[in-house]
N, C-alpha and C. Protein backbone atom coordinates (compact mmCIF):
# COMPACT_ATOMS: atom_id res chain seq x y z
N MET A 1 83.56 61.86 -46.35
CA MET A 1 83.91 61.89 -47.84
C MET A 1 83.86 63.29 -48.42
N PRO A 2 84.87 63.79 -48.94
CA PRO A 2 85.07 65.18 -49.31
C PRO A 2 84.08 65.43 -50.63
N ALA A 3 83.53 66.61 -50.73
CA ALA A 3 82.65 67.01 -51.75
C ALA A 3 83.49 67.06 -53.08
N GLN A 4 82.86 66.82 -54.20
CA GLN A 4 83.57 66.93 -55.51
C GLN A 4 83.92 68.29 -55.77
N ASP A 5 83.26 69.39 -55.11
CA ASP A 5 83.59 70.76 -55.55
C ASP A 5 84.89 71.24 -54.74
N GLY A 6 85.43 70.39 -53.85
CA GLY A 6 86.62 70.80 -53.14
C GLY A 6 86.45 71.75 -52.02
N THR A 7 85.30 72.11 -51.68
CA THR A 7 85.06 72.87 -50.48
C THR A 7 85.02 72.32 -49.21
N GLY A 8 84.73 70.91 -49.28
CA GLY A 8 84.52 70.12 -47.98
C GLY A 8 83.12 70.08 -47.56
N ASN A 9 82.31 70.83 -48.16
CA ASN A 9 80.91 70.83 -47.87
C ASN A 9 80.24 69.58 -48.59
N PRO A 10 79.21 68.99 -48.01
CA PRO A 10 78.48 67.78 -48.60
C PRO A 10 77.89 68.19 -49.97
N ASP A 11 77.79 67.18 -50.84
CA ASP A 11 77.08 67.49 -52.10
C ASP A 11 75.65 67.76 -51.87
N LEU A 12 75.05 68.60 -52.57
CA LEU A 12 73.66 68.87 -52.49
C LEU A 12 72.98 68.29 -53.75
N PRO A 13 71.78 67.81 -53.68
CA PRO A 13 70.94 67.95 -52.55
C PRO A 13 71.34 66.73 -51.52
N LEU A 14 71.07 66.98 -50.19
CA LEU A 14 71.26 65.95 -49.22
C LEU A 14 70.28 64.99 -49.30
N PRO A 15 70.53 63.67 -48.90
CA PRO A 15 69.51 62.71 -48.72
C PRO A 15 68.40 63.00 -47.96
N ALA A 16 67.29 62.57 -48.13
CA ALA A 16 66.15 62.72 -47.36
C ALA A 16 66.17 61.87 -46.13
N ILE A 17 65.91 62.54 -44.98
CA ILE A 17 65.83 61.87 -43.81
C ILE A 17 64.41 61.19 -43.48
N ASP A 18 64.48 59.99 -43.09
CA ASP A 18 63.26 59.38 -42.73
C ASP A 18 62.45 60.02 -41.66
N GLU A 19 61.26 60.43 -42.14
CA GLU A 19 60.28 61.08 -41.07
C GLU A 19 59.95 60.27 -39.93
N ASN A 20 59.91 59.10 -40.09
CA ASN A 20 59.47 58.13 -39.04
C ASN A 20 60.45 56.93 -39.02
N PRO A 21 61.63 57.05 -38.37
CA PRO A 21 62.62 56.04 -38.33
C PRO A 21 62.24 54.81 -37.57
N THR A 22 61.34 54.87 -36.68
CA THR A 22 60.86 53.72 -35.84
C THR A 22 59.61 53.30 -36.26
N PRO A 23 59.55 52.01 -37.00
CA PRO A 23 58.19 51.59 -37.36
C PRO A 23 57.28 51.37 -36.17
N GLY A 24 56.10 51.75 -36.39
CA GLY A 24 55.08 51.53 -35.35
C GLY A 24 54.98 52.55 -34.32
N ILE A 25 55.85 53.49 -34.35
CA ILE A 25 55.89 54.65 -33.33
C ILE A 25 55.66 55.85 -34.12
N PRO A 26 54.71 56.74 -33.58
CA PRO A 26 54.49 58.04 -34.26
C PRO A 26 55.74 58.83 -34.26
N ALA A 27 55.96 59.56 -35.33
CA ALA A 27 57.11 60.41 -35.50
C ALA A 27 57.12 61.38 -34.19
N GLY A 28 58.29 61.54 -33.63
CA GLY A 28 58.54 62.30 -32.52
C GLY A 28 58.06 61.66 -31.24
N GLY A 29 57.57 60.42 -31.29
CA GLY A 29 57.17 59.72 -30.14
C GLY A 29 58.03 58.81 -29.55
N GLU A 30 59.37 58.60 -29.99
CA GLU A 30 60.38 57.74 -29.68
C GLU A 30 60.70 57.83 -28.14
N LEU A 31 60.78 59.10 -27.63
CA LEU A 31 61.17 59.31 -26.30
C LEU A 31 59.98 58.90 -25.54
N ARG A 32 58.74 59.29 -25.76
CA ARG A 32 57.52 58.83 -25.04
C ARG A 32 57.47 57.27 -25.08
N TYR A 33 57.73 56.73 -26.14
CA TYR A 33 57.68 55.15 -26.21
C TYR A 33 58.85 54.55 -25.34
N ALA A 34 59.88 55.12 -25.29
CA ALA A 34 61.09 54.63 -24.55
C ALA A 34 60.76 54.74 -23.10
N ASN A 35 60.05 55.88 -22.71
CA ASN A 35 59.75 56.10 -21.34
C ASN A 35 58.69 55.14 -20.95
N GLN A 36 57.74 54.83 -21.83
CA GLN A 36 56.63 53.91 -21.49
C GLN A 36 57.26 52.41 -21.29
N LEU A 37 58.23 52.11 -22.06
CA LEU A 37 58.85 50.83 -21.95
C LEU A 37 59.56 50.77 -20.61
N ARG A 38 60.24 51.73 -20.27
CA ARG A 38 61.09 51.81 -19.03
C ARG A 38 60.08 51.72 -17.82
N THR A 39 58.96 52.56 -17.92
CA THR A 39 57.94 52.58 -16.87
C THR A 39 57.39 51.16 -16.67
N ASN A 40 57.09 50.47 -17.82
CA ASN A 40 56.51 49.09 -17.71
C ASN A 40 57.47 48.15 -17.18
N ALA A 41 58.70 48.24 -17.40
CA ALA A 41 59.82 47.40 -16.92
C ALA A 41 60.02 47.57 -15.43
N ASP A 42 60.04 48.89 -15.10
CA ASP A 42 60.15 49.27 -13.66
C ASP A 42 59.01 48.76 -12.81
N ALA A 43 57.73 48.73 -13.43
CA ALA A 43 56.46 48.32 -12.77
C ALA A 43 56.54 46.84 -12.56
N LYS A 44 56.98 46.10 -13.68
CA LYS A 44 57.15 44.52 -13.58
C LYS A 44 58.10 44.16 -12.49
N VAL A 45 59.25 44.92 -12.47
CA VAL A 45 60.28 44.63 -11.31
C VAL A 45 59.74 44.71 -9.90
N SER A 46 59.02 45.86 -9.79
CA SER A 46 58.36 46.20 -8.43
C SER A 46 57.22 45.49 -8.11
N GLY A 47 56.73 44.69 -9.00
CA GLY A 47 55.47 43.86 -8.76
C GLY A 47 54.17 44.65 -9.00
N GLN A 48 54.20 45.95 -9.47
CA GLN A 48 53.02 46.68 -9.66
C GLN A 48 52.35 46.22 -11.02
N LEU A 49 53.09 45.76 -11.86
CA LEU A 49 52.50 45.30 -13.19
C LEU A 49 52.98 43.80 -13.37
N GLU A 50 51.95 42.89 -13.49
CA GLU A 50 52.32 41.58 -13.62
C GLU A 50 52.59 41.23 -15.14
N ASP A 51 53.56 40.33 -15.18
CA ASP A 51 54.00 39.73 -16.54
C ASP A 51 53.17 38.52 -16.59
N ILE A 52 52.25 38.38 -17.65
CA ILE A 52 51.41 37.19 -17.77
C ILE A 52 51.98 36.23 -18.75
N ALA A 53 52.10 35.07 -18.34
CA ALA A 53 52.57 34.00 -19.27
C ALA A 53 51.51 33.41 -20.15
N PHE A 54 51.86 32.95 -21.34
CA PHE A 54 50.92 32.33 -22.23
C PHE A 54 50.64 30.86 -21.96
N ASP A 55 50.18 30.68 -20.67
CA ASP A 55 49.73 29.39 -20.28
C ASP A 55 48.33 29.42 -20.02
N GLU A 56 47.84 28.23 -19.38
CA GLU A 56 46.36 28.15 -19.12
C GLU A 56 45.95 29.27 -18.03
N ASP A 57 46.81 29.32 -17.03
CA ASP A 57 46.56 30.23 -15.86
C ASP A 57 46.74 31.74 -16.33
N GLY A 58 47.65 32.13 -17.32
CA GLY A 58 47.79 33.35 -17.73
C GLY A 58 46.76 33.75 -18.53
N VAL A 59 46.24 32.81 -19.52
CA VAL A 59 45.17 33.20 -20.30
C VAL A 59 43.83 33.42 -19.53
N ASN A 60 43.66 32.53 -18.57
CA ASN A 60 42.57 32.73 -17.56
C ASN A 60 42.53 34.04 -16.86
N LYS A 61 43.67 34.49 -16.50
CA LYS A 61 43.86 35.85 -15.91
C LYS A 61 43.40 36.91 -16.88
N VAL A 62 43.88 36.79 -18.12
CA VAL A 62 43.51 37.77 -19.14
C VAL A 62 41.86 37.77 -19.39
N ILE A 63 41.40 36.46 -19.46
CA ILE A 63 39.91 36.48 -19.59
C ILE A 63 39.19 36.99 -18.43
N THR A 64 39.71 36.85 -17.21
CA THR A 64 39.00 37.30 -16.06
C THR A 64 39.01 38.81 -16.01
N ARG A 65 40.18 39.49 -16.50
CA ARG A 65 40.26 40.90 -16.45
C ARG A 65 39.43 41.48 -17.62
N LEU A 66 39.23 40.75 -18.76
CA LEU A 66 38.37 41.28 -19.79
C LEU A 66 36.92 41.18 -19.37
N LEU A 67 36.56 40.11 -18.62
CA LEU A 67 35.22 39.87 -18.13
C LEU A 67 34.92 41.09 -17.04
N GLU A 68 35.87 41.33 -16.24
CA GLU A 68 35.63 42.47 -15.28
C GLU A 68 35.43 43.76 -16.10
N LEU A 69 36.22 43.98 -16.95
CA LEU A 69 36.04 45.26 -17.82
C LEU A 69 34.75 45.29 -18.53
N TYR A 70 34.29 44.18 -18.99
CA TYR A 70 33.00 44.01 -19.70
C TYR A 70 31.96 44.33 -18.73
N ASP A 71 31.94 43.82 -17.47
CA ASP A 71 30.98 43.95 -16.47
C ASP A 71 30.94 45.54 -16.08
N LYS A 72 32.03 46.18 -15.94
CA LYS A 72 32.16 47.57 -15.54
C LYS A 72 31.46 48.44 -16.53
N LEU A 73 31.79 48.20 -17.86
CA LEU A 73 31.25 48.92 -18.97
C LEU A 73 29.78 48.63 -19.11
N ASP A 74 29.41 47.39 -18.92
CA ASP A 74 27.89 47.07 -18.96
C ASP A 74 27.07 47.88 -17.85
N GLN A 75 27.74 47.84 -16.63
CA GLN A 75 27.08 48.67 -15.48
C GLN A 75 26.99 50.02 -15.95
N HIS A 76 28.01 50.64 -16.37
CA HIS A 76 27.93 52.00 -16.82
C HIS A 76 26.93 52.30 -17.87
N ARG A 77 26.72 51.38 -18.87
CA ARG A 77 25.73 51.59 -19.92
C ARG A 77 24.35 51.58 -19.18
N GLU A 78 24.05 50.56 -18.33
CA GLU A 78 22.84 50.32 -17.79
C GLU A 78 22.52 51.52 -16.73
N ARG A 79 23.55 52.06 -16.02
CA ARG A 79 23.40 53.12 -15.13
C ARG A 79 23.02 54.39 -15.86
N ASP A 80 23.64 54.66 -16.88
CA ASP A 80 23.62 56.09 -17.59
C ASP A 80 22.75 56.15 -18.81
N SER A 81 22.26 55.04 -19.23
CA SER A 81 21.61 55.17 -20.51
C SER A 81 20.34 55.97 -20.49
N TYR A 82 19.50 55.79 -19.47
CA TYR A 82 18.41 56.60 -19.37
C TYR A 82 18.60 58.08 -19.22
N ALA A 83 19.57 58.28 -18.30
CA ALA A 83 19.91 59.88 -18.09
C ALA A 83 20.43 60.51 -19.36
N LEU A 84 21.24 59.68 -20.17
CA LEU A 84 21.77 60.27 -21.37
C LEU A 84 20.76 60.45 -22.50
N GLU A 85 19.79 59.89 -22.41
CA GLU A 85 18.67 59.77 -23.50
C GLU A 85 17.46 60.35 -23.25
N SER A 86 17.23 60.93 -21.99
CA SER A 86 16.03 61.35 -21.61
C SER A 86 15.94 62.71 -20.90
N ILE A 87 16.62 63.73 -21.50
CA ILE A 87 16.58 65.07 -21.15
C ILE A 87 15.34 65.66 -21.65
N PHE A 88 14.48 66.22 -20.79
CA PHE A 88 13.11 66.67 -21.13
C PHE A 88 13.24 67.99 -21.97
N GLU A 89 12.47 68.01 -22.88
CA GLU A 89 12.39 69.24 -23.77
C GLU A 89 11.43 70.11 -22.98
N ARG A 90 11.76 71.41 -23.19
CA ARG A 90 10.93 72.55 -22.63
C ARG A 90 10.16 73.24 -23.68
N ASP A 91 9.42 74.24 -23.17
CA ASP A 91 8.66 74.93 -24.11
C ASP A 91 9.26 75.86 -24.95
N ASP A 92 10.36 76.47 -24.57
CA ASP A 92 11.16 77.48 -25.29
C ASP A 92 11.99 76.72 -26.31
N PRO A 93 12.25 77.41 -27.51
CA PRO A 93 13.10 76.62 -28.58
C PRO A 93 14.45 76.37 -28.22
N VAL A 94 15.11 77.23 -27.40
CA VAL A 94 16.53 76.99 -27.03
C VAL A 94 16.67 75.81 -26.29
N SER A 95 15.90 75.73 -25.25
CA SER A 95 16.00 74.47 -24.26
C SER A 95 15.57 73.30 -25.14
N SER A 96 14.53 73.54 -25.92
CA SER A 96 14.09 72.36 -26.65
C SER A 96 15.15 71.71 -27.60
N ASN A 97 15.87 72.67 -28.24
CA ASN A 97 16.87 72.30 -29.19
C ASN A 97 18.16 71.66 -28.40
N TYR A 98 18.41 72.32 -27.20
CA TYR A 98 19.46 71.79 -26.37
C TYR A 98 19.14 70.31 -25.98
N ALA A 99 17.95 70.20 -25.56
CA ALA A 99 17.47 68.71 -25.17
C ALA A 99 17.55 67.72 -26.20
N PHE A 100 17.02 68.13 -27.42
CA PHE A 100 17.02 67.32 -28.57
C PHE A 100 18.57 66.95 -28.79
N ALA A 101 19.45 67.83 -28.93
CA ALA A 101 20.85 67.64 -29.33
C ALA A 101 21.59 66.77 -28.19
N ALA A 102 21.14 66.95 -26.98
CA ALA A 102 21.72 66.37 -25.83
C ALA A 102 21.29 64.84 -25.90
N ASN A 103 20.06 64.64 -26.18
CA ASN A 103 19.45 63.24 -26.24
C ASN A 103 20.12 62.53 -27.49
N ARG A 104 20.19 63.23 -28.54
CA ARG A 104 20.85 62.60 -29.69
C ARG A 104 22.28 62.24 -29.45
N GLY A 105 23.02 63.17 -28.77
CA GLY A 105 24.39 62.81 -28.37
C GLY A 105 24.52 61.64 -27.29
N GLY A 106 23.63 61.63 -26.40
CA GLY A 106 23.54 60.54 -25.42
C GLY A 106 23.30 59.28 -26.09
N LYS A 107 22.30 59.29 -26.98
CA LYS A 107 21.95 58.00 -27.71
C LYS A 107 23.12 57.48 -28.49
N ALA A 108 23.80 58.37 -29.15
CA ALA A 108 25.12 58.06 -29.95
C ALA A 108 26.15 57.40 -29.10
N TYR A 109 26.29 58.01 -27.95
CA TYR A 109 27.30 57.51 -26.99
C TYR A 109 26.98 56.06 -26.51
N ILE A 110 25.70 56.04 -26.16
CA ILE A 110 25.29 54.53 -25.67
C ILE A 110 25.38 53.51 -26.85
N GLU A 111 25.07 53.97 -28.04
CA GLU A 111 25.24 53.01 -29.20
C GLU A 111 26.66 52.61 -29.37
N ALA A 112 27.53 53.60 -29.17
CA ALA A 112 29.08 53.41 -29.46
C ALA A 112 29.55 52.39 -28.31
N LEU A 113 28.92 52.71 -27.06
CA LEU A 113 29.32 51.90 -25.91
C LEU A 113 28.91 50.43 -26.09
N GLU A 114 27.69 50.34 -26.65
CA GLU A 114 27.05 48.98 -27.00
C GLU A 114 27.91 48.23 -28.08
N ASN A 115 28.51 49.01 -28.99
CA ASN A 115 29.29 48.39 -30.08
C ASN A 115 30.58 47.88 -29.28
N GLU A 116 31.15 48.79 -28.46
CA GLU A 116 32.42 48.28 -27.73
C GLU A 116 32.15 47.02 -27.08
N LEU A 117 31.09 47.04 -26.27
CA LEU A 117 30.73 45.89 -25.59
C LEU A 117 30.56 44.60 -26.40
N ASP A 118 30.04 44.76 -27.49
CA ASP A 118 29.91 43.64 -28.61
C ASP A 118 31.29 43.15 -28.97
N ASP A 119 32.18 44.20 -29.33
CA ASP A 119 33.54 43.74 -29.76
C ASP A 119 34.32 43.10 -28.52
N LEU A 120 34.17 43.74 -27.31
CA LEU A 120 34.80 43.05 -26.26
C LEU A 120 34.31 41.71 -25.91
N LYS A 121 32.99 41.46 -26.09
CA LYS A 121 32.51 40.04 -25.83
C LYS A 121 33.11 39.19 -26.97
N LYS A 122 33.18 39.57 -28.23
CA LYS A 122 33.81 38.80 -29.31
C LYS A 122 35.30 38.47 -28.93
N LEU A 123 35.87 39.45 -28.40
CA LEU A 123 37.39 39.36 -28.09
C LEU A 123 37.46 38.18 -26.90
N ILE A 124 36.52 38.31 -25.94
CA ILE A 124 36.65 37.30 -24.86
C ILE A 124 36.31 35.98 -25.43
N GLU A 125 35.40 35.84 -26.30
CA GLU A 125 35.04 34.56 -26.91
C GLU A 125 36.26 34.04 -27.69
N ASP A 126 36.94 34.88 -28.51
CA ASP A 126 38.06 34.47 -29.24
C ASP A 126 39.24 34.02 -28.31
N VAL A 127 39.41 34.74 -27.26
CA VAL A 127 40.50 34.27 -26.26
C VAL A 127 40.17 32.97 -25.72
N GLU A 128 39.00 32.82 -25.27
CA GLU A 128 38.58 31.48 -24.82
C GLU A 128 38.70 30.34 -25.72
N ARG A 129 38.28 30.66 -27.05
CA ARG A 129 38.51 29.59 -28.05
C ARG A 129 39.92 29.29 -28.32
N ILE A 130 40.90 30.23 -28.23
CA ILE A 130 42.27 30.11 -28.51
C ILE A 130 42.88 29.30 -27.30
N ARG A 131 42.39 29.56 -26.21
CA ARG A 131 42.92 28.91 -24.96
C ARG A 131 42.37 27.43 -25.13
N ASP A 132 41.21 27.19 -25.38
CA ASP A 132 40.67 25.73 -25.44
C ASP A 132 41.34 24.98 -26.59
N GLU A 133 41.52 25.70 -27.74
CA GLU A 133 42.36 25.00 -28.76
C GLU A 133 43.68 24.60 -28.44
N ARG A 134 44.36 25.60 -27.75
CA ARG A 134 45.70 25.28 -27.29
C ARG A 134 45.76 24.16 -26.30
N LEU A 135 44.87 24.07 -25.48
CA LEU A 135 44.78 23.06 -24.46
C LEU A 135 44.61 21.61 -25.15
N TRP A 136 43.65 21.72 -26.11
CA TRP A 136 43.34 20.41 -26.90
C TRP A 136 44.71 20.01 -27.59
N GLN A 137 45.27 20.90 -28.21
CA GLN A 137 46.43 20.52 -28.98
C GLN A 137 47.53 19.92 -28.05
N GLU A 138 47.75 20.65 -26.77
CA GLU A 138 48.69 20.05 -25.96
C GLU A 138 48.35 18.64 -25.45
N GLU A 139 47.03 18.28 -25.24
CA GLU A 139 46.52 17.10 -24.94
C GLU A 139 46.91 16.12 -26.10
N GLN A 140 46.58 16.51 -27.21
CA GLN A 140 47.03 15.62 -28.41
C GLN A 140 48.43 15.27 -28.53
N HIS A 141 49.26 16.37 -28.25
CA HIS A 141 50.76 16.06 -28.32
C HIS A 141 51.14 15.04 -27.06
N VAL A 142 50.51 15.17 -25.99
CA VAL A 142 50.82 14.39 -24.85
C VAL A 142 50.53 12.86 -25.18
N GLU A 143 49.28 12.79 -25.84
CA GLU A 143 48.80 11.39 -26.20
C GLU A 143 49.74 10.74 -27.15
N VAL A 144 50.18 11.50 -28.11
CA VAL A 144 51.22 11.05 -29.24
C VAL A 144 52.54 10.71 -28.49
N ILE A 145 53.03 11.53 -27.58
CA ILE A 145 54.24 11.14 -26.86
C ILE A 145 54.04 9.94 -26.06
N GLU A 146 52.89 9.70 -25.32
CA GLU A 146 52.65 8.59 -24.54
C GLU A 146 52.60 7.23 -25.33
N ARG A 147 51.97 7.41 -26.54
CA ARG A 147 51.98 6.26 -27.45
C ARG A 147 53.33 5.92 -27.89
N GLN A 148 54.20 6.88 -28.13
CA GLN A 148 55.50 6.54 -28.71
C GLN A 148 56.52 6.01 -27.64
N ALA A 149 56.05 6.20 -26.42
CA ALA A 149 56.99 5.77 -25.26
C ALA A 149 56.90 4.42 -24.98
């Protein structure tokens, strides 16, 4: 569309360009996102990444993987909690301050890890509840269909 001034240049000011044209993807991350989608698709085709169905077996696989993750994180917490919170203080102030700060940081890390474990446990319980509710609903539908037959 020609400009009103007859020069052929577009009218000013130009409309603003959306800074983030793809919802849910950080600005500038479209290529990275597209590459991740392609990598995931290639992995599924080659069998390196399993596509999990939303049925009882698929949900059980998710629960198993979440439980394995929970166990690994819990083992990490148990193994490292003493070491991260028990750096011995020395007589000199520099070493003593370092030990105090390191112990405080270790304690904060362990507390954050424990919070993550709590959240992961809640997620596992939620997925188990959703699976059980879905199975119950399927059983109810089967009973209704059998009565109607």
